[in-house]
């Protein structure tokens, strides 16, 4: 009798349906969108103060 395949990918069993590469790309874009405004806000705060 064959054993059921195990989840060895490290992803949760309740995946959102995205592949690992799509998850990495989504996370990278999200971090980029959060990281870009910070230097601009600092520059505006310094020059418009």
C-alpha atoms as a PDB file:
ATOM      1  CA  UNK A   1       0.000   0.000   0.000  1.00  0.00           C
ATOM      2  CA  UNK A   2       1.322   3.424  -0.931  1.00  0.00           C
ATOM      3  CA  UNK A   3       1.818   6.117   1.640  1.00  0.00           C
ATOM      4  CA  UNK A   4       0.192   9.514   1.154  1.00  0.00           C
ATOM      5  CA  UNK A   5       2.600  12.205  -0.083  1.00  0.00           C
ATOM      6  CA  UNK A   6       3.920  14.485   2.626  1.00  0.00           C
ATOM      7  CA  UNK A   7       4.201  18.247   2.524  1.00  0.00           C
ATOM      8  CA  UNK A   8       7.990  18.631   2.279  1.00  0.00           C
ATOM      9  CA  UNK A   9       8.020  22.029   0.563  1.00  0.00           C
ATOM     10  CA  UNK A  10       7.839  23.980   3.827  1.00  0.00           C
ATOM     11  CA  UNK A  11       4.628  25.685   2.720  1.00  0.00           C
ATOM     12  CA  UNK A  12       1.551  25.348   4.844  1.00  0.00           C
ATOM     13  CA  UNK A  13      -1.070  22.778   3.962  1.00  0.00           C
ATOM     14  CA  UNK A  14      -3.547  25.610   3.550  1.00  0.00           C
ATOM     15  CA  UNK A  15      -1.756  27.384   0.724  1.00  0.00           C
ATOM     16  CA  UNK A  16      -3.250  30.459  -0.935  1.00  0.00           C
ATOM     17  CA  UNK A  17      -2.840  28.799  -4.318  1.00  0.00           C
ATOM     18  CA  UNK A  18       0.253  30.802  -5.241  1.00  0.00           C
ATOM     19  CA  UNK A  19       3.486  29.111  -6.103  1.00  0.00           C
ATOM     20  CA  UNK A  20       6.621  29.685  -4.029  1.00  0.00           C
ATOM     21  CA  UNK A  21       8.054  32.009  -6.694  1.00  0.00           C
ATOM     22  CA  UNK A  22       4.846  34.082  -6.800  1.00  0.00           C
ATOM     23  CA  UNK A  23       4.896  34.380  -2.997  1.00  0.00           C
ATOM     24  CA  UNK A  24       8.503  35.589  -3.076  1.00  0.00           C
ATOM     25  CA  UNK A  25       7.713  38.118  -5.818  1.00  0.00           C
ATOM     26  CA  UNK A  26       4.632  39.373  -3.942  1.00  0.00           C
ATOM     27  CA  UNK A  27       6.654  39.784  -0.747  1.00  0.00           C
ATOM     28  CA  UNK A  28       9.457  41.599  -2.582  1.00  0.00           C
ATOM     29  CA  UNK A  29       7.041  44.033  -4.247  1.00  0.00           C
ATOM     30  CA  UNK A  30       5.284  44.661  -0.926  1.00  0.00           C
ATOM     31  CA  UNK A  31       8.570  45.356   0.883  1.00  0.00           C
ATOM     32  CA  UNK A  32       9.702  47.619  -1.977  1.00  0.00           C
ATOM     33  CA  UNK A  33       6.445  49.582  -1.813  1.00  0.00           C
ATOM     34  CA  UNK A  34       6.863  49.998   1.948  1.00  0.00           C
ATOM     35  CA  UNK A  35      10.556  50.875   1.735  1.00  0.00           C
ATOM     36  CA  UNK A  36      10.502  53.485  -1.025  1.00  0.00           C
ATOM     37  CA  UNK A  37       8.423  56.171   0.784  1.00  0.00           C
ATOM     38  CA  UNK A  38      10.573  56.174   3.926  1.00  0.00           C
ATOM     39  CA  UNK A  39      13.588  58.064   2.453  1.00  0.00           C
ATOM     40  CA  UNK A  40      11.241  60.470   0.658  1.00  0.00           C
ATOM     41  CA  UNK A  41       9.387  61.218   3.893  1.00  0.00           C
ATOM     42  CA  UNK A  42      12.695  61.797   5.697  1.00  0.00           C
ATOM     43  CA  UNK A  43      13.913  64.142   2.955  1.00  0.00           C
ATOM     44  CA  UNK A  44      10.648  66.099   2.986  1.00  0.00           C
ATOM     45  CA  UNK A  45      10.797  66.340   6.775  1.00  0.00           C
ATOM     46  CA  UNK A  46      14.380  67.643   6.642  1.00  0.00           C
ATOM     47  CA  UNK A  47      13.845  70.213   3.883  1.00  0.00           C
ATOM     48  CA  UNK A  48      10.347  71.426   4.764  1.00  0.00           C
ATOM     49  CA  UNK A  49      10.897  71.770   8.477  1.00  0.00           C
END
